[in-house]
Structures are given as structure tokens and as C-alpha cells.
């Protein structure tokens, strides 16, 4: 596994950023609009942002990676990076933050007022957006390489979610995603996704919030019609949509285009699907023209490499 880890980390980082960048220009448009004008490639934004720009999904993931690389599992360091991103334009493709979610902004503002990092997250049932799911993969990678027992790994995934999204539903969604990612790291095959879901279902057992994700665990989940898959910013919708796209597509490009053409929260569904599809199909499976078009490609390469060196030292 150690010799394969650098390429796998690189594939996740670039897959996530590519899905984000393809989805960004179409964000919040309805599915009917996507049906009339389907996205077929990575394009520039209509608001002056260049082709290959990535959004808060990738920026906040880079914040986490940088903090984990330099400080280990230090949640105060992660929150400090979130502040640098939102107010200083660091960890961005163009020097300024854009497209910050409401719950993430509230949490970062609480941090600015002196609230401890782990007490900043939004806790209301109506605050279960996808803002922690979209940035959780660096924590999942770090904990995969750690020597914590399983309960310790999952509790830290939940704590990482709670920096911005502290309701148990969001925490469980991040946990389910992590189980899937961990199985794909061991064996990049679609059967690993199904195995990860089964492990997650067993682990969470009678957890009430598991009900929000119940469809994921049905044998017929991949057979659901497109019309049955929602793609809003609600955490359960995003996780369902991303996994459905990965399970029903045959390559990275078709997976991301399927995700983006669902409409609505296209950058986040694209990013979450891209992180998993990147691992499934490998770095070379991501279209070369998309990899090369990503803003600050060298920075992404360097960040992934430095993070992987940290992981290998754990």
C-alpha cells in the first residue's frame, strides 16, 4: 500500500478538484436547464473566473491538507486556515474566496470571535448542508494511515465535520463517505464501494440519523432512475448523488458529467464524486486536458506530495 499511496492521493486530490471545476460554472441551475444544455466539458465561469477554477469545496480541502501536513490532527490549525482562506484569499485558485456556504461562514465567523474550533459548527437540523462532506477526504486519508482504533478514527471524522457542521446527520454522512474511501484505498473497484456501505451500515447500527441515508444500503440503489436522485446541497442528497454517479458510470469523465448534469449543487456533487472516481480510475483515468486546465496545477501537485509524505510518516 505504501508504494501506491502517492499516486492514490494524487488521484483523489485531482479528481476532487476536477469534479469541482467542471461543476462550478453550472452551479444552482435546475436539472431541466441541464437537460436543455448539458455540460459536456470543463469551461470558464460566466462571472470572470477562468476555466479550471475550483470553488470552496477544493479550497477548504486544501486548508485541511495544509494543516494536517504541518500540524497533524490539530483542529485549531484547520480553523485558522479556514480564516486565511475566507478573509485572506489563501488556498484559492485566483487569490480570492468565493462561493462560501452559509454554515461554513457562520462557523468561521464564530472562530473569529474566539470560539474554540470544535464548538464552532452549526448544530441545527436545518443546517445539514454538504459543507463538511465536501472537504472531509483529507481527514479520511489521514485517519486511514493513523494507528487509531476504528472508534477513534470515526470519532475524529465526526469532530472534523463538526468544525462547520456539527449535527449528527452531517457527521454520519462524513463517516459513511470515509468507510467507502477506506475500502477503495484497499481495492479500487466498485465492489469496494458496496463493501464500504455495508461496513458503515453495520458500524452505525441503530444510529437514528442513519435513516437519512437508508437508500444507500439497498441492493437496488444503483438501479434507481435518474429522476429518483436528488442533487441539492443537503448532505444526504449530495452523498447519494455522488455515489450513484460513481456506481453507474464506466469512467471518470462520464461520472463527472453525469454528476454535473443532475443540476443544482453541481460543484459539490462533482467534487465528492470526483474524489471517489479519481481513486477508482486512477490519476491517468482523469482526462489529461482537465488535469492540465486546473488552476494552480503545480500547487495542487505540491500540496498532494507534501501531504502524502506526512501520511507515510504516520
C-alpha atoms as a PDB file:
ATOM      1  CA  UNK A   1       0.000   0.000   0.000  1.00  0.00           C
ATOM      2  CA  UNK A   2       2.799   2.457   0.889  1.00  0.00           C
ATOM      3  CA  UNK A   3       4.303   2.403  -2.585  1.00  0.00           C
ATOM      4  CA  UNK A   4       0.859   3.018  -4.120  1.00  0.00           C
ATOM      5  CA  UNK A   5      -0.177   5.783  -1.738  1.00  0.00           C
ATOM      6  CA  UNK A   6       1.394   8.786  -3.551  1.00  0.00           C
ATOM      7  CA  UNK A   7      -0.449   8.012  -6.773  1.00  0.00           C
ATOM      8  CA  UNK A   8      -3.704   7.359  -4.933  1.00  0.00           C
ATOM      9  CA  UNK A   9      -3.526  10.622  -3.005  1.00  0.00           C
ATOM     10  CA  UNK A  10      -2.725  12.479  -6.210  1.00  0.00           C
ATOM     11  CA  UNK A  11      -5.724  10.875  -7.928  1.00  0.00           C
ATOM     12  CA  UNK A  12      -8.084  11.881  -5.115  1.00  0.00           C
ATOM     13  CA  UNK A  13      -6.821  15.474  -4.995  1.00  0.00           C
ATOM     14  CA  UNK A  14      -7.022  15.977  -8.758  1.00  0.00           C
ATOM     15  CA  UNK A  15     -10.266  14.026  -9.096  1.00  0.00           C
ATOM     16  CA  UNK A  16     -11.928  16.169  -6.443  1.00  0.00           C
ATOM     17  CA  UNK A  17     -10.643  19.437  -7.959  1.00  0.00           C
ATOM     18  CA  UNK A  18     -11.613  18.402 -11.498  1.00  0.00           C
ATOM     19  CA  UNK A  19     -15.154  17.478 -10.476  1.00  0.00           C
ATOM     20  CA  UNK A  20     -15.415  20.802  -8.646  1.00  0.00           C
ATOM     21  CA  UNK A  21     -14.111  22.775 -11.643  1.00  0.00           C
ATOM     22  CA  UNK A  22     -16.398  21.065 -14.164  1.00  0.00           C
ATOM     23  CA  UNK A  23     -19.423  21.587 -11.931  1.00  0.00           C
ATOM     24  CA  UNK A  24     -18.737  25.136 -10.808  1.00  0.00           C
ATOM     25  CA  UNK A  25     -19.968  27.066 -13.859  1.00  0.00           C
ATOM     26  CA  UNK A  26     -23.320  25.222 -13.787  1.00  0.00           C
ATOM     27  CA  UNK A  27     -23.977  25.554 -10.063  1.00  0.00           C
ATOM     28  CA  UNK A  28     -27.574  26.109  -8.887  1.00  0.00           C
ATOM     29  CA  UNK A  29     -29.101  25.651 -12.341  1.00  0.00           C
ATOM     30  CA  UNK A  30     -32.095  23.335 -12.434  1.00  0.00           C
ATOM     31  CA  UNK A  31     -31.961  19.865 -13.954  1.00  0.00           C
ATOM     32  CA  UNK A  32     -34.324  20.948 -16.713  1.00  0.00           C
ATOM     33  CA  UNK A  33     -31.740  23.516 -17.794  1.00  0.00           C
ATOM     34  CA  UNK A  34     -29.050  20.847 -17.815  1.00  0.00           C
ATOM     35  CA  UNK A  35     -31.289  18.673 -19.952  1.00  0.00           C
ATOM     36  CA  UNK A  36     -31.675  21.528 -22.429  1.00  0.00           C
ATOM     37  CA  UNK A  37     -27.981  22.487 -22.353  1.00  0.00           C
ATOM     38  CA  UNK A  38     -25.945  19.592 -20.963  1.00  0.00           C
ATOM     39  CA  UNK A  39     -22.429  20.207 -19.696  1.00  0.00           C
ATOM     40  CA  UNK A  40     -20.001  18.361 -21.962  1.00  0.00           C
ATOM     41  CA  UNK A  41     -16.614  19.665 -20.811  1.00  0.00           C
ATOM     42  CA  UNK A  42     -14.732  21.871 -18.357  1.00  0.00           C
ATOM     43  CA  UNK A  43     -15.445  25.533 -19.156  1.00  0.00           C
ATOM     44  CA  UNK A  44     -14.852  29.029 -17.817  1.00  0.00           C
ATOM     45  CA  UNK A  45     -17.322  30.586 -15.381  1.00  0.00           C
ATOM     46  CA  UNK A  46     -19.664  33.298 -16.603  1.00  0.00           C
ATOM     47  CA  UNK A  47     -18.529  35.672 -13.819  1.00  0.00           C
ATOM     48  CA  UNK A  48     -14.964  36.179 -14.973  1.00  0.00           C
ATOM     49  CA  UNK A  49     -13.419  33.110 -13.337  1.00  0.00           C
ATOM     50  CA  UNK A  50     -11.200  31.109 -15.700  1.00  0.00           C
ATOM     51  CA  UNK A  51     -11.605  27.575 -16.909  1.00  0.00           C
ATOM     52  CA  UNK A  52     -10.215  25.215 -14.297  1.00  0.00           C
ATOM     53  CA  UNK A  53     -11.105  27.374 -11.296  1.00  0.00           C
ATOM     54  CA  UNK A  54     -12.204  25.423  -8.256  1.00  0.00           C
ATOM     55  CA  UNK A  55     -14.564  26.527  -5.508  1.00  0.00           C
ATOM     56  CA  UNK A  56     -14.811  26.398  -1.726  1.00  0.00           C
ATOM     57  CA  UNK A  57     -15.013  22.582  -1.877  1.00  0.00           C
ATOM     58  CA  UNK A  58     -11.403  22.298  -3.017  1.00  0.00           C
ATOM     59  CA  UNK A  59     -10.176  25.364  -1.121  1.00  0.00           C
ATOM     60  CA  UNK A  60     -11.416  24.050   2.219  1.00  0.00           C
ATOM     61  CA  UNK A  61      -9.962  20.626   1.459  1.00  0.00           C
ATOM     62  CA  UNK A  62      -6.604  22.281   0.785  1.00  0.00           C
ATOM     63  CA  UNK A  63      -6.923  24.178   4.073  1.00  0.00           C
ATOM     64  CA  UNK A  64      -7.314  20.854   5.849  1.00  0.00           C
ATOM     65  CA  UNK A  65      -4.468  19.190   3.965  1.00  0.00           C
ATOM     66  CA  UNK A  66      -2.076  22.029   4.741  1.00  0.00           C
ATOM     67  CA  UNK A  67      -2.933  21.965   8.450  1.00  0.00           C
ATOM     68  CA  UNK A  68      -2.708  18.167   8.683  1.00  0.00           C
ATOM     69  CA  UNK A  69       0.639  18.209   6.898  1.00  0.00           C
ATOM     70  CA  UNK A  70       2.174  20.876   9.133  1.00  0.00           C
ATOM     71  CA  UNK A  71       0.443  20.298  12.473  1.00  0.00           C
ATOM     72  CA  UNK A  72      -1.143  16.869  12.456  1.00  0.00           C
ATOM     73  CA  UNK A  73      -4.677  16.456  13.719  1.00  0.00           C
ATOM     74  CA  UNK A  74      -4.917  19.981  15.145  1.00  0.00           C
ATOM     75  CA  UNK A  75      -8.426  21.359  14.627  1.00  0.00           C
ATOM     76  CA  UNK A  76      -7.419  24.863  15.691  1.00  0.00           C
ATOM     77  CA  UNK A  77      -4.861  24.886  12.861  1.00  0.00           C
ATOM     78  CA  UNK A  78      -7.531  23.777  10.398  1.00  0.00           C
ATOM     79  CA  UNK A  79      -9.854  26.564  11.520  1.00  0.00           C
ATOM     80  CA  UNK A  80      -7.035  29.087  11.262  1.00  0.00           C
ATOM     81  CA  UNK A  81      -6.578  28.029   7.641  1.00  0.00           C
ATOM     82  CA  UNK A  82     -10.306  28.421   7.038  1.00  0.00           C
ATOM     83  CA  UNK A  83      -9.970  32.022   8.240  1.00  0.00           C
ATOM     84  CA  UNK A  84      -6.972  32.593   5.974  1.00  0.00           C
ATOM     85  CA  UNK A  85      -8.998  31.260   3.061  1.00  0.00           C
ATOM     86  CA  UNK A  86     -12.176  33.233   3.676  1.00  0.00           C
ATOM     87  CA  UNK A  87     -10.622  36.554   4.654  1.00  0.00           C
ATOM     88  CA  UNK A  88      -7.150  36.393   3.098  1.00  0.00           C
ATOM     89  CA  UNK A  89      -7.715  34.613  -0.196  1.00  0.00           C
ATOM     90  CA  UNK A  90      -5.219  31.847   0.594  1.00  0.00           C
ATOM     91  CA  UNK A  91      -5.861  28.322  -0.724  1.00  0.00           C
ATOM     92  CA  UNK A  92      -7.835  29.748  -3.662  1.00  0.00           C
ATOM     93  CA  UNK A  93      -7.400  29.443  -7.439  1.00  0.00           C
ATOM     94  CA  UNK A  94      -7.386  33.192  -8.104  1.00  0.00           C
ATOM     95  CA  UNK A  95      -6.484  34.952  -4.853  1.00  0.00           C
ATOM     96  CA  UNK A  96      -9.991  35.485  -3.529  1.00  0.00           C
ATOM     97  CA  UNK A  97     -12.526  33.249  -1.820  1.00  0.00           C
ATOM     98  CA  UNK A  98     -15.904  32.770  -3.420  1.00  0.00           C
ATOM     99  CA  UNK A  99     -18.996  30.618  -3.035  1.00  0.00           C
ATOM    100  CA  UNK A 100     -18.780  30.105   0.731  1.00  0.00           C
ATOM    101  CA  UNK A 101     -21.712  28.201   2.227  1.00  0.00           C
ATOM    102  CA  UNK A 102     -23.835  29.752   4.946  1.00  0.00           C
ATOM    103  CA  UNK A 103     -22.995  27.224   7.681  1.00  0.00           C
ATOM    104  CA  UNK A 104     -19.285  27.390   6.884  1.00  0.00           C
ATOM    105  CA  UNK A 105     -19.332  31.188   7.058  1.00  0.00           C
ATOM    106  CA  UNK A 106     -21.156  31.121  10.407  1.00  0.00           C
ATOM    107  CA  UNK A 107     -18.624  28.680  11.845  1.00  0.00           C
ATOM    108  CA  UNK A 108     -15.634  30.697  10.662  1.00  0.00           C
ATOM    109  CA  UNK A 109     -17.179  33.903  11.994  1.00  0.00           C
ATOM    110  CA  UNK A 110     -17.606  32.215  15.392  1.00  0.00           C
ATOM    111  CA  UNK A 111     -13.938  31.281  15.272  1.00  0.00           C
ATOM    112  CA  UNK A 112     -13.025  34.909  14.631  1.00  0.00           C
ATOM    113  CA  UNK A 113     -14.913  35.854  17.801  1.00  0.00           C
ATOM    114  CA  UNK A 114     -12.771  33.468  19.838  1.00  0.00           C
ATOM    115  CA  UNK A 115     -14.921  30.334  19.935  1.00  0.00           C
ATOM    116  CA  UNK A 116     -12.893  27.133  20.141  1.00  0.00           C
ATOM    117  CA  UNK A 117     -12.679  25.329  16.811  1.00  0.00           C
ATOM    118  CA  UNK A 118     -14.645  22.280  17.881  1.00  0.00           C
ATOM    119  CA  UNK A 119     -17.506  24.424  19.183  1.00  0.00           C
ATOM    120  CA  UNK A 120     -17.917  26.474  16.010  1.00  0.00           C
ATOM    121  CA  UNK A 121     -20.034  24.133  13.906  1.00  0.00           C
ATOM    122  CA  UNK A 122     -23.726  24.633  13.184  1.00  0.00           C
ATOM    123  CA  UNK A 123     -25.945  22.200  15.077  1.00  0.00           C
ATOM    124  CA  UNK A 124     -29.471  22.746  13.762  1.00  0.00           C
ATOM    125  CA  UNK A 125     -31.324  20.076  11.834  1.00  0.00           C
ATOM    126  CA  UNK A 126     -31.885  22.637   9.093  1.00  0.00           C
ATOM    127  CA  UNK A 127     -28.124  23.214   8.848  1.00  0.00           C
ATOM    128  CA  UNK A 128     -27.231  19.860   7.303  1.00  0.00           C
ATOM    129  CA  UNK A 129     -25.715  21.141   4.100  1.00  0.00           C
ATOM    130  CA  UNK A 130     -22.814  19.380   2.411  1.00  0.00           C
ATOM    131  CA  UNK A 131     -20.123  21.782   3.639  1.00  0.00           C
ATOM    132  CA  UNK A 132     -18.279  19.207   5.738  1.00  0.00           C
ATOM    133  CA  UNK A 133     -18.778  16.267   3.373  1.00  0.00           C
ATOM    134  CA  UNK A 134     -17.243  18.230   0.503  1.00  0.00           C
ATOM    135  CA  UNK A 135     -13.972  18.742   2.437  1.00  0.00           C
ATOM    136  CA  UNK A 136     -13.712  15.580   4.550  1.00  0.00           C
ATOM    137  CA  UNK A 137     -11.406  13.471   2.366  1.00  0.00           C
ATOM    138  CA  UNK A 138      -8.085  14.808   3.783  1.00  0.00           C
ATOM    139  CA  UNK A 139      -9.193  13.760   7.275  1.00  0.00           C
ATOM    140  CA  UNK A 140     -10.296  10.350   5.970  1.00  0.00           C
ATOM    141  CA  UNK A 141      -6.899   9.842   4.340  1.00  0.00           C
ATOM    142  CA  UNK A 142      -5.032  10.945   7.455  1.00  0.00           C
ATOM    143  CA  UNK A 143      -7.022   8.658   9.716  1.00  0.00           C
ATOM    144  CA  UNK A 144      -6.687   5.723   7.319  1.00  0.00           C
ATOM    145  CA  UNK A 145      -2.923   5.976   7.797  1.00  0.00           C
ATOM    146  CA  UNK A 146      -3.139   6.515  11.558  1.00  0.00           C
ATOM    147  CA  UNK A 147      -2.981   3.841  14.236  1.00  0.00           C
ATOM    148  CA  UNK A 148      -6.168   4.896  15.991  1.00  0.00           C
ATOM    149  CA  UNK A 149      -8.708   2.103  16.573  1.00  0.00           C
ATOM    150  CA  UNK A 150     -11.817   2.273  14.408  1.00  0.00           C
ATOM    151  CA  UNK A 151     -13.909   4.082  17.023  1.00  0.00           C
ATOM    152  CA  UNK A 152     -11.129   6.651  17.381  1.00  0.00           C
ATOM    153  CA  UNK A 153     -10.998   7.183  13.630  1.00  0.00           C
ATOM    154  CA  UNK A 154     -14.738   7.684  13.287  1.00  0.00           C
ATOM    155  CA  UNK A 155     -14.948   9.968  16.315  1.00  0.00           C
ATOM    156  CA  UNK A 156     -12.279  12.168  14.736  1.00  0.00           C
ATOM    157  CA  UNK A 157     -14.107  12.175  11.399  1.00  0.00           C
ATOM    158  CA  UNK A 158     -17.153  13.415  13.302  1.00  0.00           C
ATOM    159  CA  UNK A 159     -15.069  16.076  15.045  1.00  0.00           C
ATOM    160  CA  UNK A 160     -13.671  17.197  11.696  1.00  0.00           C
ATOM    161  CA  UNK A 161     -17.209  17.529  10.344  1.00  0.00           C
ATOM    162  CA  UNK A 162     -18.276  19.446  13.433  1.00  0.00           C
ATOM    163  CA  UNK A 163     -15.844  22.276  12.724  1.00  0.00           C
ATOM    164  CA  UNK A 164     -18.577  23.598  10.446  1.00  0.00           C
ATOM    165  CA  UNK A 165     -21.410  21.026  10.523  1.00  0.00           C
ATOM    166  CA  UNK A 166     -21.951  19.545  13.966  1.00  0.00           C
ATOM    167  CA  UNK A 167     -25.396  17.961  13.595  1.00  0.00           C
ATOM    168  CA  UNK A 168     -25.145  14.146  13.844  1.00  0.00           C
ATOM    169  CA  UNK A 169     -26.602  13.746  10.341  1.00  0.00           C
ATOM    170  CA  UNK A 170     -23.684  15.567   8.763  1.00  0.00           C
ATOM    171  CA  UNK A 171     -21.201  13.703  10.961  1.00  0.00           C
ATOM    172  CA  UNK A 172     -22.686  10.337   9.954  1.00  0.00           C
ATOM    173  CA  UNK A 173     -22.589  11.315   6.271  1.00  0.00           C
ATOM    174  CA  UNK A 174     -18.876  12.045   6.586  1.00  0.00           C
ATOM    175  CA  UNK A 175     -18.421   8.718   8.337  1.00  0.00           C
ATOM    176  CA  UNK A 176     -20.196   6.781   5.575  1.00  0.00           C
ATOM    177  CA  UNK A 177     -18.063   8.526   2.949  1.00  0.00           C
ATOM    178  CA  UNK A 178     -14.920   7.626   4.923  1.00  0.00           C
ATOM    179  CA  UNK A 179     -15.802   3.925   5.079  1.00  0.00           C
ATOM    180  CA  UNK A 180     -16.234   3.932   1.300  1.00  0.00           C
ATOM    181  CA  UNK A 181     -12.962   5.790   0.724  1.00  0.00           C
ATOM    182  CA  UNK A 182     -11.076   3.417   3.003  1.00  0.00           C
ATOM    183  CA  UNK A 183     -12.313   0.377   1.106  1.00  0.00           C
ATOM    184  CA  UNK A 184     -11.419   1.963  -2.239  1.00  0.00           C
ATOM    185  CA  UNK A 185      -7.916   2.660  -0.945  1.00  0.00           C
ATOM    186  CA  UNK A 186      -7.531  -1.055  -0.253  1.00  0.00           C
ATOM    187  CA  UNK A 187      -9.073  -2.143  -3.552  1.00  0.00           C
ATOM    188  CA  UNK A 188     -10.095   0.340  -6.277  1.00  0.00           C
ATOM    189  CA  UNK A 189     -13.201  -1.466  -7.559  1.00  0.00           C
ATOM    190  CA  UNK A 190     -16.920  -0.758  -7.475  1.00  0.00           C
ATOM    191  CA  UNK A 191     -17.431  -3.738  -5.207  1.00  0.00           C
ATOM    192  CA  UNK A 192     -15.393  -1.857  -2.607  1.00  0.00           C
ATOM    193  CA  UNK A 193     -17.989   0.914  -2.586  1.00  0.00           C
ATOM    194  CA  UNK A 194     -20.695  -1.607  -1.785  1.00  0.00           C
ATOM    195  CA  UNK A 195     -18.470  -3.199   0.846  1.00  0.00           C
ATOM    196  CA  UNK A 196     -17.781   0.178   2.445  1.00  0.00           C
ATOM    197  CA  UNK A 197     -21.500   0.910   2.600  1.00  0.00           C
ATOM    198  CA  UNK A 198     -22.203  -2.434   4.267  1.00  0.00           C
ATOM    199  CA  UNK A 199     -19.482  -1.783   6.848  1.00  0.00           C
ATOM    200  CA  UNK A 200     -20.891   1.688   7.515  1.00  0.00           C
ATOM    201  CA  UNK A 201     -24.413   0.331   7.957  1.00  0.00           C
ATOM    202  CA  UNK A 202     -23.199  -2.256  10.438  1.00  0.00           C
ATOM    203  CA  UNK A 203     -20.987   0.209  12.302  1.00  0.00           C
ATOM    204  CA  UNK A 204     -23.717   2.797  12.824  1.00  0.00           C
ATOM    205  CA  UNK A 205     -26.289   0.133  13.694  1.00  0.00           C
ATOM    206  CA  UNK A 206     -29.266   1.766  15.380  1.00  0.00           C
ATOM    207  CA  UNK A 207     -27.994   5.339  14.980  1.00  0.00           C
ATOM    208  CA  UNK A 208     -31.200   7.325  14.255  1.00  0.00           C
ATOM    209  CA  UNK A 209     -29.527   9.558  11.683  1.00  0.00           C
ATOM    210  CA  UNK A 210     -28.734   6.538   9.534  1.00  0.00           C
ATOM    211  CA  UNK A 211     -32.322   6.717   8.367  1.00  0.00           C
ATOM    212  CA  UNK A 212     -31.467   9.758   6.237  1.00  0.00           C
ATOM    213  CA  UNK A 213     -29.090   7.549   4.228  1.00  0.00           C
ATOM    214  CA  UNK A 214     -31.171   4.379   4.203  1.00  0.00           C
ATOM    215  CA  UNK A 215     -31.470   4.138   0.403  1.00  0.00           C
ATOM    216  CA  UNK A 216     -27.694   3.812   0.071  1.00  0.00           C
ATOM    217  CA  UNK A 217     -27.781   0.408   1.717  1.00  0.00           C
ATOM    218  CA  UNK A 218     -30.421  -1.162  -0.517  1.00  0.00           C
ATOM    219  CA  UNK A 219     -29.353  -3.667  -3.140  1.00  0.00           C
ATOM    220  CA  UNK A 220     -31.269  -1.712  -5.765  1.00  0.00           C
ATOM    221  CA  UNK A 221     -29.609   1.649  -5.044  1.00  0.00           C
ATOM    222  CA  UNK A 222     -27.501   1.676  -8.244  1.00  0.00           C
ATOM    223  CA  UNK A 223     -30.639   0.780 -10.213  1.00  0.00           C
ATOM    224  CA  UNK A 224     -32.560   3.869  -9.114  1.00  0.00           C
ATOM    225  CA  UNK A 225     -33.674   6.041 -12.010  1.00  0.00           C
ATOM    226  CA  UNK A 226     -32.075   9.439 -12.520  1.00  0.00           C
ATOM    227  CA  UNK A 227     -35.388  11.050 -11.617  1.00  0.00           C
ATOM    228  CA  UNK A 228     -35.153   9.466  -8.160  1.00  0.00           C
ATOM    229  CA  UNK A 229     -31.734  11.009  -7.408  1.00  0.00           C
ATOM    230  CA  UNK A 230     -31.782  14.471  -5.851  1.00  0.00           C
ATOM    231  CA  UNK A 231     -28.720  16.713  -6.191  1.00  0.00           C
ATOM    232  CA  UNK A 232     -29.313  19.550  -3.768  1.00  0.00           C
ATOM    233  CA  UNK A 233     -26.880  20.899  -1.191  1.00  0.00           C
ATOM    234  CA  UNK A 234     -28.460  18.748   1.523  1.00  0.00           C
ATOM    235  CA  UNK A 235     -25.764  16.397   2.799  1.00  0.00           C
ATOM    236  CA  UNK A 236     -27.749  13.179   2.246  1.00  0.00           C
ATOM    237  CA  UNK A 237     -28.696  14.234  -1.299  1.00  0.00           C
ATOM    238  CA  UNK A 238     -25.092  15.042  -2.177  1.00  0.00           C
ATOM    239  CA  UNK A 239     -23.731  11.764  -0.839  1.00  0.00           C
ATOM    240  CA  UNK A 240     -26.429   9.748  -2.608  1.00  0.00           C
ATOM    241  CA  UNK A 241     -25.940  11.577  -5.895  1.00  0.00           C
ATOM    242  CA  UNK A 242     -22.152  11.244  -5.824  1.00  0.00           C
ATOM    243  CA  UNK A 243     -22.194   7.528  -5.011  1.00  0.00           C
ATOM    244  CA  UNK A 244     -24.923   6.831  -7.563  1.00  0.00           C
ATOM    245  CA  UNK A 245     -22.869   8.512 -10.275  1.00  0.00           C
ATOM    246  CA  UNK A 246     -19.707   6.591  -9.386  1.00  0.00           C
ATOM    247  CA  UNK A 247     -21.582   3.289  -9.293  1.00  0.00           C
ATOM    248  CA  UNK A 248     -23.412   3.810 -12.592  1.00  0.00           C
ATOM    249  CA  UNK A 249     -20.669   5.359 -14.759  1.00  0.00           C
ATOM    250  CA  UNK A 250     -17.890   3.488 -16.546  1.00  0.00           C
ATOM    251  CA  UNK A 251     -15.066   6.050 -16.477  1.00  0.00           C
ATOM    252  CA  UNK A 252     -14.071   9.277 -14.774  1.00  0.00           C
ATOM    253  CA  UNK A 253     -15.290  11.664 -17.465  1.00  0.00           C
ATOM    254  CA  UNK A 254     -18.748  10.124 -17.749  1.00  0.00           C
ATOM    255  CA  UNK A 255     -19.062  10.008 -13.958  1.00  0.00           C
ATOM    256  CA  UNK A 256     -18.381  13.734 -13.571  1.00  0.00           C
ATOM    257  CA  UNK A 257     -20.575  14.746 -16.483  1.00  0.00           C
ATOM    258  CA  UNK A 258     -23.380  12.584 -15.095  1.00  0.00           C
ATOM    259  CA  UNK A 259     -22.962  14.249 -11.692  1.00  0.00           C
ATOM    260  CA  UNK A 260     -22.899  17.785 -13.055  1.00  0.00           C
ATOM    261  CA  UNK A 261     -25.861  17.248 -15.356  1.00  0.00           C
ATOM    262  CA  UNK A 262     -28.018  16.338 -12.379  1.00  0.00           C
ATOM    263  CA  UNK A 263     -28.130  20.098 -11.779  1.00  0.00           C
ATOM    264  CA  UNK A 264     -28.353  22.209  -8.599  1.00  0.00           C
ATOM    265  CA  UNK A 265     -25.264  21.795  -6.348  1.00  0.00           C
ATOM    266  CA  UNK A 266     -23.117  20.708  -9.246  1.00  0.00           C
ATOM    267  CA  UNK A 267     -19.698  21.648  -7.888  1.00  0.00           C
ATOM    268  CA  UNK A 268     -20.125  19.739  -4.617  1.00  0.00           C
ATOM    269  CA  UNK A 269     -21.688  16.648  -6.182  1.00  0.00           C
ATOM    270  CA  UNK A 270     -18.932  16.769  -8.813  1.00  0.00           C
ATOM    271  CA  UNK A 271     -16.210  17.173  -6.194  1.00  0.00           C
ATOM    272  CA  UNK A 272     -17.401  14.339  -3.931  1.00  0.00           C
ATOM    273  CA  UNK A 273     -17.938  12.037  -6.914  1.00  0.00           C
ATOM    274  CA  UNK A 274     -14.581  13.119  -8.344  1.00  0.00           C
ATOM    275  CA  UNK A 275     -12.646  12.218  -5.210  1.00  0.00           C
ATOM    276  CA  UNK A 276     -14.017   8.672  -5.298  1.00  0.00           C
ATOM    277  CA  UNK A 277     -13.876   8.273  -9.077  1.00  0.00           C
ATOM    278  CA  UNK A 278     -10.298   9.549  -9.059  1.00  0.00           C
ATOM    279  CA  UNK A 279      -9.383   6.763  -6.675  1.00  0.00           C
ATOM    280  CA  UNK A 280     -11.396   4.215  -8.640  1.00  0.00           C
ATOM    281  CA  UNK A 281      -9.903   5.027 -12.078  1.00  0.00           C
ATOM    282  CA  UNK A 282      -6.532   6.434 -11.018  1.00  0.00           C
ATOM    283  CA  UNK A 283      -4.763   9.668 -11.872  1.00  0.00           C
ATOM    284  CA  UNK A 284      -4.318   8.667 -15.505  1.00  0.00           C
ATOM    285  CA  UNK A 285      -8.039   7.978 -15.711  1.00  0.00           C
ATOM    286  CA  UNK A 286      -8.778  11.673 -15.162  1.00  0.00           C
ATOM    287  CA  UNK A 287      -8.845  13.352 -18.599  1.00  0.00           C
ATOM    288  CA  UNK A 288      -5.438  14.887 -19.242  1.00  0.00           C
ATOM    289  CA  UNK A 289      -6.969  18.088 -20.601  1.00  0.00           C
ATOM    290  CA  UNK A 290      -8.923  18.522 -17.356  1.00  0.00           C
ATOM    291  CA  UNK A 291      -5.864  17.904 -15.195  1.00  0.00           C
ATOM    292  CA  UNK A 292      -3.818  20.392 -17.199  1.00  0.00           C
ATOM    293  CA  UNK A 293      -6.557  23.034 -17.182  1.00  0.00           C
ATOM    294  CA  UNK A 294      -6.887  23.146 -13.409  1.00  0.00           C
ATOM    295  CA  UNK A 295      -5.819  26.462 -11.914  1.00  0.00           C
ATOM    296  CA  UNK A 296      -2.568  26.282  -9.938  1.00  0.00           C
ATOM    297  CA  UNK A 297      -1.889  22.736 -11.058  1.00  0.00           C
ATOM    298  CA  UNK A 298       1.668  22.825  -9.683  1.00  0.00           C
ATOM    299  CA  UNK A 299       0.354  23.962  -6.299  1.00  0.00           C
ATOM    300  CA  UNK A 300      -2.088  21.054  -6.240  1.00  0.00           C
ATOM    301  CA  UNK A 301       0.762  18.672  -7.105  1.00  0.00           C
ATOM    302  CA  UNK A 302       2.989  20.074  -4.359  1.00  0.00           C
ATOM    303  CA  UNK A 303       0.243  20.034  -1.739  1.00  0.00           C
ATOM    304  CA  UNK A 304      -0.639  16.428  -2.554  1.00  0.00           C
ATOM    305  CA  UNK A 305       3.018  15.375  -2.441  1.00  0.00           C
ATOM    306  CA  UNK A 306       3.690  17.078   0.892  1.00  0.00           C
ATOM    307  CA  UNK A 307       0.536  15.602   2.371  1.00  0.00           C
ATOM    308  CA  UNK A 308       1.468  12.132   1.199  1.00  0.00           C
ATOM    309  CA  UNK A 309       4.918  12.442   2.798  1.00  0.00           C
ATOM    310  CA  UNK A 310       3.159  13.271   6.063  1.00  0.00           C
ATOM    311  CA  UNK A 311       0.864  10.263   5.680  1.00  0.00           C
ATOM    312  CA  UNK A 312       3.791   7.946   5.055  1.00  0.00           C
ATOM    313  CA  UNK A 313       5.448   9.187   8.259  1.00  0.00           C
ATOM    314  CA  UNK A 314       2.499   8.290  10.488  1.00  0.00           C
END
